[in-house]
Protein backbone atom coordinates (compact mmCIF):
# COMPACT_ATOMS: atom_id res chain seq x y z
CA MET A 1 111.24 1.54 -55.91
CA SER A 2 111.16 -0.47 -59.01
CA GLU A 3 114.45 -1.05 -61.04
CA GLY A 4 113.34 1.11 -63.67
CA THR A 5 112.53 3.90 -61.34
CA ARG A 6 115.87 3.66 -59.68
CA ASP A 7 117.53 3.35 -63.21
CA ALA A 8 115.56 6.71 -64.08
CA ALA A 9 116.81 8.34 -60.87
CA SER A 10 120.29 7.27 -61.39
CA ALA A 11 120.19 8.69 -65.00
CA GLN A 12 118.67 12.16 -63.60
CA HIS A 13 121.45 12.12 -61.00
CA ARG A 14 124.41 11.66 -63.82
CA ARG A 15 122.65 14.24 -66.09
CA LEU A 16 122.21 16.79 -63.28
CA LEU A 17 126.03 16.13 -61.97
CA ASP A 18 127.26 16.27 -65.45
CA THR A 19 125.75 19.19 -66.48
CA ILE A 20 126.37 21.42 -63.70
CA GLY A 21 129.99 20.13 -63.42
CA MET A 22 130.56 21.15 -66.72
CA ARG A 23 129.41 24.54 -66.39
CA ILE A 24 131.91 24.98 -63.22
CA VAL A 25 134.54 23.49 -65.29
CA GLU A 26 133.84 25.75 -68.51
CA GLY A 27 133.61 28.80 -66.16
CA GLU A 28 129.83 29.35 -66.75
CA LEU A 29 130.02 28.96 -62.94
CA ALA A 30 132.73 31.07 -61.93
CA PRO A 31 134.44 30.64 -58.48
CA GLY A 32 132.64 32.82 -56.02
CA ALA A 33 129.35 32.28 -57.94
CA ARG A 34 126.18 31.34 -56.24
CA LEU A 35 124.54 28.18 -57.48
CA LEU A 36 121.01 28.84 -57.39
CA THR A 37 119.84 25.40 -57.08
CA ALA A 38 116.24 26.08 -57.15
CA ASP A 39 116.56 27.68 -60.58
CA VAL A 40 118.54 24.88 -61.64
CA ALA A 41 116.16 22.53 -60.69
CA ALA A 42 113.63 24.27 -62.42
CA GLU A 43 115.79 24.84 -65.67
CA LEU A 44 116.79 20.86 -65.90
CA GLY A 45 113.46 19.66 -64.53
CA ALA A 46 114.94 18.28 -61.51
CA SER A 47 113.40 17.49 -58.01
CA ARG A 48 114.64 19.53 -55.03
CA SER A 49 115.86 16.59 -53.49
CA ALA A 50 117.78 15.36 -56.66
CA MET A 51 119.61 18.80 -56.58
CA ARG A 52 120.66 18.45 -52.89
CA GLU A 53 122.15 14.77 -53.68
CA VAL A 54 124.34 16.49 -56.65
CA VAL A 55 125.28 19.76 -54.51
CA ARG A 56 126.43 17.05 -51.88
CA VAL A 57 128.69 15.19 -54.31
CA LEU A 58 129.96 18.32 -55.92
CA GLU A 59 131.03 19.43 -52.40
CA THR A 60 132.88 16.08 -51.58
CA MET A 61 134.72 17.08 -54.67
CA GLY A 62 135.85 20.45 -53.51
CA MET A 63 133.75 22.18 -56.34
CA VAL A 64 131.31 24.00 -54.17
CA GLU A 65 130.87 24.96 -50.56
CA VAL A 66 127.58 25.10 -48.65
CA ARG A 67 127.69 28.19 -46.53
CA ARG A 68 124.95 28.76 -44.03
CA ARG A 69 122.73 31.48 -45.04
CA ALA A 70 124.83 32.48 -48.26
CA GLY A 71 123.63 29.06 -50.28
CA VAL A 72 125.95 27.21 -52.55
CA GLU A 73 129.31 29.09 -53.56
CA VAL A 74 131.74 27.66 -56.25
CA LEU A 75 134.92 26.91 -55.60
CA PRO A 76 138.29 27.51 -57.50
CA ALA A 77 140.01 24.90 -59.62
CA ASP A 78 142.83 24.63 -57.02
CA ARG A 79 140.42 23.25 -54.30
CA TRP A 80 139.05 20.65 -56.64
CA SER A 81 139.57 16.88 -55.93
CA ALA A 82 141.89 16.72 -59.21
CA TYR A 83 141.97 13.08 -59.63
CA ALA A 84 138.41 12.51 -58.92
CA PRO A 85 137.21 10.54 -62.12
CA GLU A 86 134.08 13.03 -62.91
CA VAL A 87 136.52 15.90 -62.54
CA LEU A 88 138.93 14.48 -64.87
CA ARG A 89 136.55 13.66 -67.26
CA TRP A 90 134.74 17.07 -67.57
CA GLN A 91 138.18 18.58 -67.57
CA LEU A 92 139.08 16.29 -70.92
CA ASP A 93 135.48 16.94 -72.24
CA GLY A 94 135.90 20.65 -71.71
CA SER A 95 137.34 23.33 -73.92
CA GLY A 96 140.64 23.14 -72.05
CA ARG A 97 141.37 19.54 -73.02
CA LEU A 98 144.59 20.23 -74.77
CA ARG A 99 145.55 22.05 -71.66
CA ALA A 100 144.77 19.41 -69.42
CA LEU A 101 146.22 16.45 -71.35
CA HIS A 102 149.37 18.22 -71.29
CA GLU A 103 149.28 19.12 -67.61
CA LEU A 104 148.38 15.31 -67.03
CA SER A 105 151.57 14.42 -69.40
CA GLN A 106 153.64 16.45 -66.93
CA LEU A 107 152.19 14.19 -64.02
CA ARG A 108 153.19 11.21 -65.89
CA SER A 109 156.60 12.47 -66.54
CA ALA A 110 157.15 12.39 -62.98
CA ILE A 111 155.51 9.37 -61.90
CA GLU A 112 155.61 6.69 -64.72
CA PRO A 113 159.74 6.59 -65.21
CA LEU A 114 159.93 6.11 -61.17
CA ALA A 115 157.27 3.39 -61.85
CA ALA A 116 159.00 1.64 -64.47
CA ARG A 117 162.38 1.80 -62.35
CA LEU A 118 160.58 0.43 -59.29
CA ALA A 119 158.90 -2.17 -61.26
CA ALA A 120 162.12 -3.70 -62.56
CA ALA A 121 163.10 -4.48 -59.07
CA GLN A 122 159.81 -5.06 -57.75
CA ALA A 123 157.32 -6.79 -60.23
CA ASP A 124 156.41 -10.34 -59.60
CA PRO A 125 155.80 -12.85 -62.24
CA PRO A 126 152.26 -12.41 -62.90
CA GLN A 127 152.76 -8.52 -63.24
CA ARG A 128 155.53 -8.98 -65.52
CA ALA A 129 153.41 -11.22 -67.48
CA ALA A 130 150.80 -8.91 -67.80
CA LEU A 131 152.96 -6.37 -68.73
CA VAL A 132 154.11 -8.79 -71.84
CA LYS A 133 150.40 -9.33 -72.51
CA ALA A 134 149.63 -5.76 -73.01
CA VAL A 135 152.48 -4.99 -75.26
CA LEU A 136 151.70 -8.26 -77.48
CA GLY A 137 147.81 -6.77 -77.51
CA MET A 138 149.22 -3.12 -78.55
CA VAL A 139 151.47 -4.38 -81.55
CA GLU A 140 148.64 -7.17 -82.71
CA HIS A 141 146.04 -4.04 -82.51
CA GLY A 142 148.79 -1.37 -83.78
CA ASP A 143 147.12 -0.90 -87.16
CA ARG A 144 143.83 0.41 -85.25
CA ALA A 145 145.46 2.55 -82.61
CA ASP A 146 142.45 4.83 -82.42
CA GLU A 147 139.72 1.78 -81.68
CA PRO A 148 138.96 0.34 -78.32
CA GLU A 149 141.06 -2.79 -78.46
CA TYR A 150 144.21 -0.80 -78.87
CA LEU A 151 143.44 1.35 -76.20
CA GLN A 152 142.57 -1.35 -73.58
CA HIS A 153 145.83 -2.94 -74.08
CA ASP A 154 147.50 0.44 -73.66
CA VAL A 155 145.56 1.16 -70.31
CA ASP A 156 146.48 -2.53 -69.33
CA PHE A 157 150.28 -1.71 -69.80
CA HIS A 158 150.31 1.45 -68.07
CA ALA A 159 148.41 0.13 -65.21
CA ALA A 160 150.85 -3.12 -65.12
CA VAL A 161 153.87 -0.82 -64.86
CA LEU A 162 152.45 1.40 -61.81
CA ARG A 163 151.01 -1.78 -59.97
CA GLY A 164 154.09 -3.38 -60.47
CA SER A 165 155.88 -0.84 -58.98
CA GLY A 166 155.07 -2.00 -55.29
CA ASN A 167 154.35 1.42 -54.25
CA PRO A 168 150.36 1.64 -53.66
CA TYR A 169 150.31 5.30 -53.67
CA LEU A 170 151.57 5.16 -57.63
CA ALA A 171 149.35 1.98 -58.44
CA GLY A 172 146.62 4.27 -57.09
CA LEU A 173 147.03 6.65 -60.14
CA ALA A 174 146.59 4.06 -62.73
CA ASP A 175 142.82 5.42 -62.97
CA VAL A 176 144.44 9.00 -63.65
CA VAL A 177 146.64 7.81 -66.45
CA ALA A 178 143.66 5.54 -67.80
CA ALA A 179 141.61 8.60 -67.80
CA LEU A 180 143.89 10.23 -69.95
CA LEU A 181 144.32 7.60 -72.32
CA HIS A 182 140.61 7.44 -72.71
CA GLY A 183 140.42 11.17 -73.44
CA ARG A 184 142.93 11.29 -76.04
CA THR A 185 141.01 8.50 -78.27
CA ALA A 186 137.68 10.21 -77.26
CA HIS A 187 138.49 13.42 -78.81
CA ALA A 188 140.43 11.98 -81.87
CA LEU A 189 143.74 12.77 -80.66
CA MET A 190 145.19 9.26 -81.54
CA PRO A 191 146.46 8.12 -84.79
CA LYS A 192 144.66 5.47 -86.68
CA ARG A 193 147.92 3.32 -86.55
CA ALA A 194 150.27 3.27 -84.12
CA ASP A 195 153.52 5.16 -84.16
CA GLU A 196 156.22 2.53 -84.59
CA THR A 197 158.49 4.43 -82.14
CA ALA A 198 155.82 4.46 -79.56
CA LEU A 199 155.24 0.71 -79.82
CA ARG A 200 159.29 0.02 -79.87
CA LEU A 201 159.32 2.25 -76.39
CA HIS A 202 156.74 0.19 -74.79
CA GLN A 203 158.34 -3.17 -75.90
CA GLU A 204 161.67 -1.85 -74.56
CA VAL A 205 159.87 -0.86 -70.94
CA ALA A 206 158.61 -4.30 -70.87
CA SER A 207 161.89 -6.05 -72.03
CA ALA A 208 163.78 -3.99 -69.43
CA ILE A 209 161.33 -4.49 -66.58
CA THR A 210 161.36 -8.06 -67.47
CA ALA A 211 165.19 -8.13 -67.33
CA ARG A 212 165.25 -6.11 -64.21
CA ASP A 213 167.01 -3.37 -65.58
CA PRO A 214 165.78 -0.05 -63.80
CA GLU A 215 167.57 2.51 -65.50
CA ALA A 216 166.50 1.26 -68.87
CA ALA A 217 163.05 0.85 -67.71
CA ALA A 218 162.92 4.22 -66.65
CA ALA A 219 164.76 5.85 -69.67
CA ALA A 220 162.22 4.07 -72.18
CA MET A 221 159.50 5.15 -69.75
CA ALA A 222 160.60 8.77 -70.06
CA ALA A 223 160.69 8.70 -73.91
CA ILE A 224 157.01 7.04 -74.12
CA VAL A 225 155.77 9.90 -71.97
CA ALA A 226 157.43 12.86 -74.19
CA GLU A 227 156.47 11.12 -77.33
CA ALA A 228 152.77 10.98 -76.39
CA ASP A 229 152.79 14.79 -75.33
CA ASP A 230 154.34 15.72 -78.92
CA ALA A 231 151.86 13.37 -80.73
CA VAL A 232 148.96 14.80 -78.96
CA GLU A 233 150.29 18.42 -79.69
CA ALA A 234 150.86 17.33 -83.53
CA MET A 235 147.44 15.80 -83.90
CA ALA A 236 145.52 18.82 -81.81
CA SER A 237 147.58 21.12 -84.64
CA SER A 238 146.48 19.11 -87.51
CA ALA A 239 142.80 19.25 -86.49
CA SER A 240 142.80 22.90 -85.61
CA SER A 241 144.29 23.62 -89.23
CA ASP A 242 141.94 21.28 -90.91
CA HIS A 243 139.04 24.02 -89.83
């Protein structure tokens, strides 16, 4: 298979996966419904083998189940692999994105203050340096908070806190937090200019972790998560009132 053919096959796979995944997330394919693979393949101009591969991937995510003599059944949301990157992206791209963002903020409020507390005791010098570098980058690009440079520094900051905790299970949630941050920017739920309070709180977290002050680190991180959730709700309300 040539490189061009492989690229085309990969693009078709992504298109099929995204199309069917979004239909499940949006409820067009409701829990208990049968996924008629032959019909979908014909509709989307896909081969049967490509459909089988997509079904296999969806099954690993807990979104469908292949039943003998019954076909492919769509499963309810509580069966999905909630932290799978594709599932997160579909949730944040869907009509229920504000609910998803709020629910992810609830998760953050449980894990990130704890991670900051642990990082104040556990983070090594390179991890603390990465944290400070990320904060400085956020400050530098704070007047363009809705652009990729600021977003990357914000992602790096939260990843540094989670990884600095010394707990691999907390560190493993860095991609989940990154998905939330990317989703906010992608859907214009970030202000053009960073909120001064938010920047100050990020600086306080970095300072507290560097000073090995667990209580201050946890308190500042809890305030960051609360402020971010409030800001998303405010931006969403403003956007809806403009329509």
